[in-house]
Amino acid sequence: MREIQLKDAKATLSAVVDQAVHGNPAIITRHGRKEAVVLSFEEYEKLKQVPSFGRLLASFPGDEGDIPPRSTKPSRPIDL
């Protein structure tokens, strides 16, 4: 993914958007810091549908007994 300074992105916004639509998103930087990303609406929609890890865990269909208890002992010796 290419990086482009904000001032350059402003000057060439149509080209930046066209490239994003064709699968080439851009990272917009301001004062050397990554501030935003321009990507196609299609890619945005895909990313919006990805659930967080917490939501995946919360939606686990099993019962509490389906998950083995967490061991408090290390699984292997630790070399010090």
N, C-alpha and C. Protein backbone atom coordinates (compact mmCIF):
# COMPACT_ATOMS: atom_id res chain seq x y z
N MET A 1 0.86 -1.16 0.00
CA MET A 1 0.00 0.00 0.00
C MET A 1 0.90 1.23 0.00
N ARG A 2 0.62 2.13 -0.88
CA ARG A 2 1.48 3.32 -0.97
C ARG A 2 1.07 4.37 0.05
N GLU A 3 2.03 5.19 0.40
CA GLU A 3 1.79 6.31 1.31
C GLU A 3 1.85 7.60 0.52
N ILE A 4 0.96 8.51 0.86
CA ILE A 4 0.92 9.81 0.17
C ILE A 4 0.67 10.89 1.21
N GLN A 5 1.40 11.99 1.07
CA GLN A 5 1.22 13.10 2.00
C GLN A 5 -0.15 13.74 1.78
N LEU A 6 -0.72 14.26 2.84
CA LEU A 6 -2.05 14.86 2.77
C LEU A 6 -2.13 15.95 1.70
N LYS A 7 -1.14 16.81 1.64
CA LYS A 7 -1.18 17.89 0.65
C LYS A 7 -1.20 17.34 -0.77
N ASP A 8 -0.47 16.25 -1.02
CA ASP A 8 -0.47 15.63 -2.34
C ASP A 8 -1.79 14.91 -2.62
N ALA A 9 -2.36 14.30 -1.59
CA ALA A 9 -3.65 13.63 -1.75
C ALA A 9 -4.74 14.63 -2.09
N LYS A 10 -4.69 15.81 -1.45
CA LYS A 10 -5.67 16.85 -1.77
C LYS A 10 -5.56 17.28 -3.22
N ALA A 11 -4.33 17.44 -3.68
CA ALA A 11 -4.11 17.93 -5.04
C ALA A 11 -4.49 16.90 -6.11
N THR A 12 -4.46 15.62 -5.74
CA THR A 12 -4.73 14.55 -6.71
C THR A 12 -5.82 13.61 -6.22
N LEU A 13 -6.81 14.14 -5.51
CA LEU A 13 -7.83 13.30 -4.88
C LEU A 13 -8.53 12.39 -5.87
N SER A 14 -8.89 12.87 -7.03
CA SER A 14 -9.57 12.03 -8.02
C SER A 14 -8.72 10.82 -8.38
N ALA A 15 -7.44 11.03 -8.59
CA ALA A 15 -6.54 9.93 -8.94
C ALA A 15 -6.38 8.96 -7.77
N VAL A 16 -6.30 9.48 -6.56
CA VAL A 16 -6.18 8.63 -5.36
C VAL A 16 -7.42 7.75 -5.24
N VAL A 17 -8.59 8.33 -5.43
CA VAL A 17 -9.84 7.56 -5.36
C VAL A 17 -9.91 6.54 -6.49
N ASP A 18 -9.56 6.93 -7.70
CA ASP A 18 -9.58 6.00 -8.83
C ASP A 18 -8.68 4.80 -8.56
N GLN A 19 -7.50 5.05 -8.02
CA GLN A 19 -6.59 3.95 -7.71
C GLN A 19 -7.16 3.05 -6.63
N ALA A 20 -7.80 3.62 -5.62
CA ALA A 20 -8.41 2.82 -4.56
C ALA A 20 -9.51 1.93 -5.13
N VAL A 21 -10.32 2.48 -6.02
CA VAL A 21 -11.40 1.71 -6.64
C VAL A 21 -10.84 0.53 -7.45
N HIS A 22 -9.66 0.72 -8.00
CA HIS A 22 -9.02 -0.34 -8.79
C HIS A 22 -8.12 -1.24 -7.94
N GLY A 23 -8.27 -1.21 -6.63
CA GLY A 23 -7.56 -2.14 -5.76
C GLY A 23 -6.24 -1.65 -5.21
N ASN A 24 -5.96 -0.36 -5.30
CA ASN A 24 -4.70 0.18 -4.80
C ASN A 24 -4.98 1.25 -3.74
N PRO A 25 -5.30 0.84 -2.52
CA PRO A 25 -5.57 1.84 -1.48
C PRO A 25 -4.32 2.64 -1.14
N ALA A 26 -4.51 3.77 -0.49
CA ALA A 26 -3.39 4.64 -0.12
C ALA A 26 -3.48 5.03 1.35
N ILE A 27 -2.34 5.09 1.99
CA ILE A 27 -2.25 5.61 3.35
C ILE A 27 -1.96 7.09 3.24
N ILE A 28 -2.77 7.90 3.92
CA ILE A 28 -2.57 9.35 3.93
C ILE A 28 -1.75 9.69 5.17
N THR A 29 -0.65 10.41 4.96
CA THR A 29 0.20 10.81 6.08
C THR A 29 0.12 12.32 6.28
N ARG A 30 0.30 12.72 7.53
CA ARG A 30 0.35 14.14 7.88
C ARG A 30 1.52 14.31 8.84
N HIS A 31 2.46 15.14 8.46
CA HIS A 31 3.67 15.38 9.26
C HIS A 31 4.40 14.06 9.56
N GLY A 32 4.40 13.16 8.56
CA GLY A 32 5.11 11.90 8.69
C GLY A 32 4.36 10.81 9.45
N ARG A 33 3.18 11.11 9.97
CA ARG A 33 2.40 10.12 10.72
C ARG A 33 1.25 9.60 9.85
N LYS A 34 1.01 8.31 9.93
CA LYS A 34 -0.10 7.71 9.20
C LYS A 34 -1.40 8.16 9.86
N GLU A 35 -2.28 8.79 9.09
CA GLU A 35 -3.50 9.38 9.64
C GLU A 35 -4.78 8.73 9.12
N ALA A 36 -4.80 8.28 7.86
CA ALA A 36 -6.03 7.76 7.27
C ALA A 36 -5.68 6.83 6.12
N VAL A 37 -6.71 6.10 5.66
CA VAL A 37 -6.55 5.21 4.51
C VAL A 37 -7.69 5.49 3.54
N VAL A 38 -7.36 5.56 2.25
CA VAL A 38 -8.38 5.68 1.21
C VAL A 38 -8.46 4.31 0.55
N LEU A 39 -9.65 3.70 0.64
CA LEU A 39 -9.86 2.41 0.01
C LEU A 39 -11.22 2.40 -0.65
N SER A 40 -11.44 1.44 -1.51
CA SER A 40 -12.72 1.38 -2.22
C SER A 40 -13.86 1.09 -1.26
N PHE A 41 -15.05 1.49 -1.64
CA PHE A 41 -16.22 1.22 -0.81
C PHE A 41 -16.43 -0.28 -0.68
N GLU A 42 -16.14 -1.02 -1.74
CA GLU A 42 -16.27 -2.49 -1.71
C GLU A 42 -15.36 -3.09 -0.63
N GLU A 43 -14.11 -2.64 -0.58
CA GLU A 43 -13.19 -3.14 0.46
C GLU A 43 -13.66 -2.72 1.85
N TYR A 44 -14.16 -1.51 1.98
CA TYR A 44 -14.69 -1.05 3.26
C TYR A 44 -15.83 -1.95 3.72
N GLU A 45 -16.74 -2.28 2.81
CA GLU A 45 -17.87 -3.14 3.16
C GLU A 45 -17.39 -4.51 3.63
N LYS A 46 -16.38 -5.07 2.99
CA LYS A 46 -15.82 -6.36 3.40
C LYS A 46 -15.25 -6.26 4.81
N LEU A 47 -14.47 -5.22 5.07
CA LEU A 47 -13.85 -5.05 6.39
C LEU A 47 -14.89 -4.81 7.47
N LYS A 48 -15.96 -4.13 7.13
CA LYS A 48 -17.00 -3.82 8.10
C LYS A 48 -17.71 -5.09 8.57
N GLN A 49 -17.71 -6.13 7.76
CA GLN A 49 -18.41 -7.36 8.08
C GLN A 49 -17.59 -8.31 8.96
N VAL A 50 -16.31 -8.06 9.12
CA VAL A 50 -15.45 -8.94 9.92
C VAL A 50 -15.71 -8.68 11.40
N PRO A 51 -16.17 -9.70 12.13
CA PRO A 51 -16.45 -9.49 13.55
C PRO A 51 -15.16 -9.42 14.37
N SER A 52 -15.23 -8.78 15.50
CA SER A 52 -14.08 -8.72 16.39
C SER A 52 -13.88 -10.09 17.06
N PHE A 53 -12.71 -10.33 17.58
CA PHE A 53 -12.43 -11.58 18.27
C PHE A 53 -13.37 -11.74 19.47
N GLY A 54 -13.63 -10.65 20.17
CA GLY A 54 -14.53 -10.69 21.32
C GLY A 54 -15.94 -11.11 20.91
N ARG A 55 -16.42 -10.59 19.79
CA ARG A 55 -17.76 -10.98 19.31
C ARG A 55 -17.79 -12.44 18.92
N LEU A 56 -16.70 -12.93 18.31
CA LEU A 56 -16.65 -14.35 17.96
C LEU A 56 -16.72 -15.22 19.21
N LEU A 57 -15.97 -14.84 20.24
CA LEU A 57 -16.01 -15.60 21.49
C LEU A 57 -17.40 -15.55 22.13
N ALA A 58 -18.01 -14.38 22.12
CA ALA A 58 -19.33 -14.22 22.72
C ALA A 58 -20.39 -15.03 21.98
N SER A 59 -20.17 -15.28 20.70
CA SER A 59 -21.17 -16.02 19.92
C SER A 59 -20.92 -17.52 19.91
N PHE A 60 -19.97 -18.01 20.71
CA PHE A 60 -19.66 -19.43 20.77
C PHE A 60 -20.93 -20.19 21.15
N PRO A 61 -21.37 -21.16 20.30
CA PRO A 61 -22.65 -21.81 20.53
C PRO A 61 -22.63 -22.91 21.59
N GLY A 62 -21.47 -23.30 22.08
CA GLY A 62 -21.39 -24.41 23.03
C GLY A 62 -21.78 -24.02 24.44
N ASP A 63 -21.75 -25.03 25.28
CA ASP A 63 -22.02 -24.82 26.70
C ASP A 63 -20.72 -24.56 27.44
N GLU A 64 -20.83 -24.08 28.66
CA GLU A 64 -19.66 -23.76 29.47
C GLU A 64 -18.76 -24.98 29.65
N GLY A 65 -19.35 -26.16 29.76
CA GLY A 65 -18.57 -27.38 29.95
C GLY A 65 -17.83 -27.85 28.72
N ASP A 66 -18.09 -27.26 27.56
CA ASP A 66 -17.41 -27.65 26.32
C ASP A 66 -15.97 -27.16 26.26
N ILE A 67 -15.65 -26.18 27.07
CA ILE A 67 -14.31 -25.61 27.07
C ILE A 67 -13.57 -26.15 28.29
N PRO A 68 -12.41 -26.81 28.09
CA PRO A 68 -11.69 -27.36 29.25
C PRO A 68 -11.20 -26.23 30.16
N PRO A 69 -11.10 -26.51 31.46
CA PRO A 69 -10.61 -25.47 32.38
C PRO A 69 -9.16 -25.11 32.05
N ARG A 70 -8.82 -23.87 32.31
CA ARG A 70 -7.47 -23.38 32.05
C ARG A 70 -6.53 -23.90 33.12
N SER A 71 -5.42 -24.45 32.68
CA SER A 71 -4.42 -24.98 33.60
C SER A 71 -3.60 -23.83 34.19
N THR A 72 -3.30 -23.94 35.48
CA THR A 72 -2.47 -22.90 36.10
C THR A 72 -1.00 -23.29 36.07
N LYS A 73 -0.69 -24.54 35.70
CA LYS A 73 0.69 -25.00 35.61
C LYS A 73 1.22 -24.75 34.20
N PRO A 74 2.52 -24.44 34.09
CA PRO A 74 3.09 -24.31 32.75
C PRO A 74 3.04 -25.65 32.03
N SER A 75 2.82 -25.65 30.74
CA SER A 75 2.73 -26.89 29.98
C SER A 75 4.08 -27.54 29.79
N ARG A 76 5.15 -26.79 29.93
CA ARG A 76 6.50 -27.35 29.84
C ARG A 76 7.40 -26.60 30.81
N PRO A 77 8.48 -27.21 31.20
CA PRO A 77 9.39 -26.52 32.13
C PRO A 77 9.95 -25.25 31.48
N ILE A 78 10.14 -24.25 32.29
CA ILE A 78 10.70 -22.99 31.83
C ILE A 78 12.17 -22.95 32.19
N ASP A 79 13.02 -22.76 31.18
CA ASP A 79 14.47 -22.66 31.41
C ASP A 79 14.80 -21.26 31.90
N LEU A 80 15.46 -21.19 33.03
CA LEU A 80 15.87 -19.89 33.56
C LEU A 80 17.33 -19.67 33.40
